[in-house]
Protein backbone atom coordinates (compact mmCIF):
# COMPACT_ATOMS: atom_id res chain seq x y z
CA UNK A 1 -89.50 -126.21 -41.22
CA UNK A 2 -92.38 -123.76 -41.14
CA UNK A 3 -92.46 -120.71 -43.35
CA UNK A 4 -94.78 -117.76 -42.97
CA UNK A 5 -94.55 -114.82 -45.32
CA UNK A 6 -96.05 -111.98 -43.32
CA UNK A 7 -96.84 -108.39 -44.11
CA UNK A 8 -98.29 -106.86 -40.98
CA UNK A 9 -100.70 -109.74 -40.53
CA UNK A 10 -100.72 -110.77 -36.89
CA UNK A 11 -103.59 -113.20 -37.47
CA UNK A 12 -101.58 -115.09 -40.11
CA UNK A 13 -98.61 -115.34 -37.76
CA UNK A 14 -100.90 -116.67 -35.02
CA UNK A 15 -102.44 -119.25 -37.39
CA UNK A 16 -98.99 -120.39 -38.52
CA UNK A 17 -97.88 -121.00 -34.95
CA UNK A 18 -100.86 -123.36 -34.53
CA UNK A 19 -99.31 -125.60 -37.21
CA UNK A 20 -96.29 -126.28 -35.00
CA UNK A 21 -97.08 -129.53 -33.21
CA UNK A 22 -93.76 -129.88 -31.39
CA UNK A 23 -93.75 -129.11 -27.67
CA UNK A 24 -90.29 -127.57 -27.80
CA UNK A 25 -88.52 -125.48 -30.43
CA UNK A 26 -84.73 -125.57 -30.34
CA UNK A 27 -84.14 -122.88 -32.96
CA UNK A 28 -86.16 -119.94 -34.27
CA UNK A 29 -84.74 -117.92 -37.15
CA UNK A 30 -86.51 -114.62 -37.78
CA UNK A 31 -85.53 -113.87 -41.36
CA UNK A 32 -88.34 -111.62 -42.56
CA UNK A 33 -87.39 -108.27 -44.00
CA UNK A 34 -87.95 -105.79 -46.75
CA UNK A 35 -86.74 -102.45 -48.01
CA UNK A 36 -87.90 -100.01 -50.63
CA UNK A 37 -85.77 -98.78 -53.47
CA UNK A 38 -86.82 -95.22 -52.86
CA UNK A 39 -85.07 -92.34 -51.22
CA UNK A 40 -86.12 -92.05 -47.60
CA UNK A 41 -87.86 -88.74 -48.21
CA UNK A 42 -89.93 -90.33 -51.00
CA UNK A 43 -91.40 -93.04 -48.76
CA UNK A 44 -95.05 -92.66 -47.91
CA UNK A 45 -96.23 -93.19 -44.35
CA UNK A 46 -97.82 -96.45 -45.49
CA UNK A 47 -94.50 -97.63 -46.99
CA UNK A 48 -92.68 -96.81 -43.77
CA UNK A 49 -95.21 -98.48 -41.49
CA UNK A 50 -95.36 -101.61 -43.66
CA UNK A 51 -91.57 -101.88 -43.61
CA UNK A 52 -91.46 -101.28 -39.83
CA UNK A 53 -94.20 -103.83 -39.19
CA UNK A 54 -92.43 -106.53 -41.17
CA UNK A 55 -88.84 -105.78 -40.15
CA UNK A 56 -89.41 -105.02 -36.48
CA UNK A 57 -92.83 -105.97 -35.14
CA UNK A 58 -93.37 -109.34 -36.89
CA UNK A 59 -90.27 -111.06 -35.43
CA UNK A 60 -91.08 -109.81 -31.94
CA UNK A 61 -94.70 -110.89 -32.24
CA UNK A 62 -93.74 -114.36 -33.52
CA UNK A 63 -91.15 -114.81 -30.77
CA UNK A 64 -93.70 -113.74 -28.15
CA UNK A 65 -96.25 -116.27 -29.44
CA UNK A 66 -93.66 -119.06 -29.31
CA UNK A 67 -92.03 -118.13 -25.99
CA UNK A 68 -93.40 -121.16 -24.12
CA UNK A 69 -92.02 -123.54 -26.75
CA UNK A 70 -88.63 -121.78 -26.85
CA UNK A 71 -87.55 -122.50 -23.28
CA UNK A 72 -83.81 -122.99 -23.61
CA UNK A 73 -83.95 -122.61 -27.40
CA UNK A 74 -81.91 -120.31 -29.60
CA UNK A 75 -83.32 -117.27 -31.42
CA UNK A 76 -81.50 -115.79 -34.40
CA UNK A 77 -82.68 -112.46 -35.79
CA UNK A 78 -81.26 -111.48 -39.18
CA UNK A 79 -81.28 -108.15 -40.93
CA UNK A 80 -79.77 -106.56 -43.98
CA UNK A 81 -78.11 -103.26 -44.67
């Protein structure tokens, strides 16, 4: 299992994928996510963009980097409410 704790850091995601030596990945679970305990109107732009980058962009970026290894594999994206 490989774990990468990302916070809008595409370079760290890319470096982590280099650690995967297997030619084929059968299962990818995108389980990164965060939320702020603030009212939506109290979020700063930076808070919002950090949350969006981690919750939305990071899983898509990781999946894109691993697409050649995922041929026929399963992708599970999780989220919270």
